[in-house]
Amino acid sequence: MGTIVFFKVDRKFRLSKRKLITNWLENSVNSEGWKLGSVNIILSSDEYLLTLNQQFLKHDTYTDIITFPGEREGYVEGEIYISLDRVEDNAGKFSVAMGEELNRVLIHGFLHLMGYKDKRKEEKELMRKKEDHYLGVFNCST
């Protein structure tokens, strides 16, 4: 059985419905035909992610998420870094609750770990369709 572990770095934040979110993410992984391995989710600030973005991706911009996939075939594994500052700003920009935007970013990260990309237009459209699908599944279960 896999594990999803949440960590906080340089930001105070209380994740509500942690068990429900964890079950939803695991079920989403299974629905895509994968097995859940070990996934660490690190919730942090803009500055923390900016440093990672500069160091590992050579991008000098803020981002809401960075994923580092694991390498075990057939398993969703890796690390997902999320900027709570970006999530909060984007929630306001898109007029949604912070929890809903965080869930979108979470499933987005898991989709990346399953190999989905979002650089080209077609990839972005598929990614958004998958996000919307799994957010709908989550909303039905809450």
Protein backbone atom coordinates (compact mmCIF):
# COMPACT_ATOMS: atom_id res chain seq x y z
CA MET A 1 0.00 0.00 0.00
CA GLY A 2 1.27 3.46 -0.88
CA THR A 3 1.59 6.53 1.24
CA ILE A 4 0.82 10.20 0.82
CA VAL A 5 2.51 12.40 3.39
CA PHE A 6 2.00 16.14 3.78
CA PHE A 7 4.75 18.45 5.02
CA LYS A 8 4.76 22.18 5.72
CA VAL A 9 7.83 24.34 5.15
CA ASP A 10 8.01 28.02 6.11
CA ARG A 11 4.20 28.47 6.18
CA LYS A 12 1.58 27.75 8.78
CA PHE A 13 -1.36 25.94 7.28
CA ARG A 14 -3.97 23.50 8.51
CA LEU A 15 -5.14 21.05 5.87
CA SER A 16 -8.73 20.12 6.57
CA LYS A 17 -10.19 16.81 5.38
CA ARG A 18 -6.69 15.31 5.06
CA LYS A 19 -7.92 11.69 5.15
CA LEU A 20 -10.66 12.40 2.61
CA ILE A 21 -8.17 14.15 0.30
CA THR A 22 -5.66 11.31 0.65
CA ASN A 23 -8.32 8.69 -0.19
CA TRP A 24 -9.50 10.77 -3.17
CA LEU A 25 -5.97 11.09 -4.54
CA GLU A 26 -5.31 7.37 -4.12
CA ASN A 27 -8.61 6.49 -5.83
CA SER A 28 -7.72 8.88 -8.67
CA VAL A 29 -4.38 7.13 -9.12
CA ASN A 30 -6.11 3.74 -9.20
CA SER A 31 -8.70 5.02 -11.70
CA GLU A 32 -5.86 5.89 -14.07
CA GLY A 33 -4.53 2.32 -13.84
CA TRP A 34 -1.57 3.11 -11.60
CA LYS A 35 -0.54 1.96 -8.13
CA LEU A 36 0.22 4.44 -5.40
CA GLY A 37 3.80 4.42 -4.18
CA SER A 38 5.25 7.02 -1.88
CA VAL A 39 4.28 10.65 -2.55
CA ASN A 40 5.47 13.55 -0.41
CA ILE A 41 3.52 16.78 -0.69
CA ILE A 42 5.39 19.82 0.54
CA LEU A 43 3.28 22.92 1.21
CA SER A 44 5.33 26.09 1.29
CA SER A 45 5.68 29.75 0.27
CA ASP A 46 6.32 31.51 -3.02
CA GLU A 47 9.92 32.14 -2.04
CA TYR A 48 10.59 28.48 -1.29
CA LEU A 49 9.23 27.36 -4.66
CA LEU A 50 11.01 30.19 -6.46
CA THR A 51 14.31 28.90 -5.10
CA LEU A 52 13.51 25.37 -6.30
CA ASN A 53 12.35 26.69 -9.68
CA GLN A 54 15.60 28.61 -10.12
CA GLN A 55 17.83 25.82 -8.86
CA PHE A 56 16.33 22.80 -10.61
CA LEU A 57 14.39 24.15 -13.59
CA LYS A 58 16.36 27.34 -14.29
CA HIS A 59 13.13 29.38 -14.27
CA ASP A 60 13.08 32.72 -12.47
CA THR A 61 9.33 32.88 -11.93
CA TYR A 62 6.81 32.10 -9.25
CA THR A 63 4.81 28.92 -9.78
CA ASP A 64 2.06 27.14 -7.89
CA ILE A 65 3.52 23.65 -8.26
CA ILE A 66 6.69 21.74 -9.03
CA THR A 67 6.71 17.96 -9.31
CA PHE A 68 9.65 15.59 -9.13
CA PRO A 69 8.57 12.11 -10.23
CA GLY A 70 9.92 8.88 -8.83
CA GLU A 71 11.21 6.11 -11.03
CA ARG A 72 9.41 2.91 -10.05
CA GLU A 73 7.51 1.63 -13.08
CA GLY A 74 3.73 1.39 -12.67
CA TYR A 75 3.76 3.38 -9.44
CA VAL A 76 2.93 7.00 -8.79
CA GLU A 77 5.81 8.24 -6.69
CA GLY A 78 7.68 11.45 -6.13
CA GLU A 79 7.51 14.85 -4.52
CA ILE A 80 5.00 17.60 -5.13
CA TYR A 81 5.90 21.11 -3.98
CA ILE A 82 3.01 23.57 -3.74
CA SER A 83 3.15 27.30 -3.07
CA LEU A 84 0.27 28.16 -0.76
CA ASP A 85 0.80 31.82 -1.71
CA ARG A 86 0.11 31.05 -5.40
CA VAL A 87 -2.84 28.83 -4.52
CA GLU A 88 -4.33 31.61 -2.41
CA ASP A 89 -3.78 34.24 -5.13
CA ASN A 90 -5.19 31.98 -7.85
CA ALA A 91 -8.24 31.15 -5.74
CA GLY A 92 -8.99 34.88 -5.58
CA LYS A 93 -8.26 35.36 -9.27
CA PHE A 94 -10.59 32.52 -10.29
CA SER A 95 -13.21 33.27 -7.59
CA VAL A 96 -13.05 29.84 -5.97
CA ALA A 97 -12.43 28.73 -2.41
CA MET A 98 -8.82 28.15 -1.43
CA GLY A 99 -9.58 24.50 -0.65
CA GLU A 100 -10.98 23.96 -4.14
CA GLU A 101 -7.94 25.56 -5.76
CA LEU A 102 -5.61 23.51 -3.57
CA ASN A 103 -7.43 20.33 -4.63
CA ARG A 104 -7.01 21.34 -8.29
CA VAL A 105 -3.28 21.85 -7.78
CA LEU A 106 -3.00 18.55 -5.89
CA ILE A 107 -4.66 16.51 -8.64
CA HIS A 108 -2.63 18.46 -11.21
CA GLY A 109 0.54 17.32 -9.46
CA PHE A 110 -0.62 13.72 -9.34
CA LEU A 111 -1.47 13.84 -13.04
CA HIS A 112 2.06 15.08 -13.73
CA LEU A 113 3.43 12.14 -11.71
CA MET A 114 1.34 9.86 -13.95
CA GLY A 115 2.97 11.33 -17.04
CA TYR A 116 0.47 13.96 -18.13
CA LYS A 117 2.05 17.10 -19.54
CA ASP A 118 0.73 20.63 -19.97
CA LYS A 119 3.14 22.46 -22.27
CA ARG A 120 1.24 22.24 -25.57
CA LYS A 121 -2.37 23.35 -26.11
CA GLU A 122 -3.67 19.78 -26.51
CA GLU A 123 -1.86 18.67 -23.37
CA LYS A 124 -3.29 21.58 -21.38
CA GLU A 125 -6.80 20.76 -22.57
CA LEU A 126 -6.47 17.11 -21.55
CA MET A 127 -4.94 18.09 -18.21
CA ARG A 128 -7.82 20.49 -17.49
CA LYS A 129 -10.37 17.85 -18.51
CA LYS A 130 -8.77 15.32 -16.13
CA GLU A 131 -8.59 17.89 -13.31
CA ASP A 132 -12.27 18.77 -13.77
CA HIS A 133 -13.23 15.09 -13.82
CA TYR A 134 -11.41 14.25 -10.60
CA LEU A 135 -12.57 17.44 -8.86
CA GLY A 136 -16.12 16.38 -9.73
CA VAL A 137 -15.50 12.96 -8.21
CA PHE A 138 -14.12 14.61 -5.06
CA ASN A 139 -17.09 16.96 -4.74
CA CYS A 140 -19.47 14.01 -5.01
CA SER A 141 -17.74 12.30 -2.09
CA THR A 142 -17.69 15.28 0.28
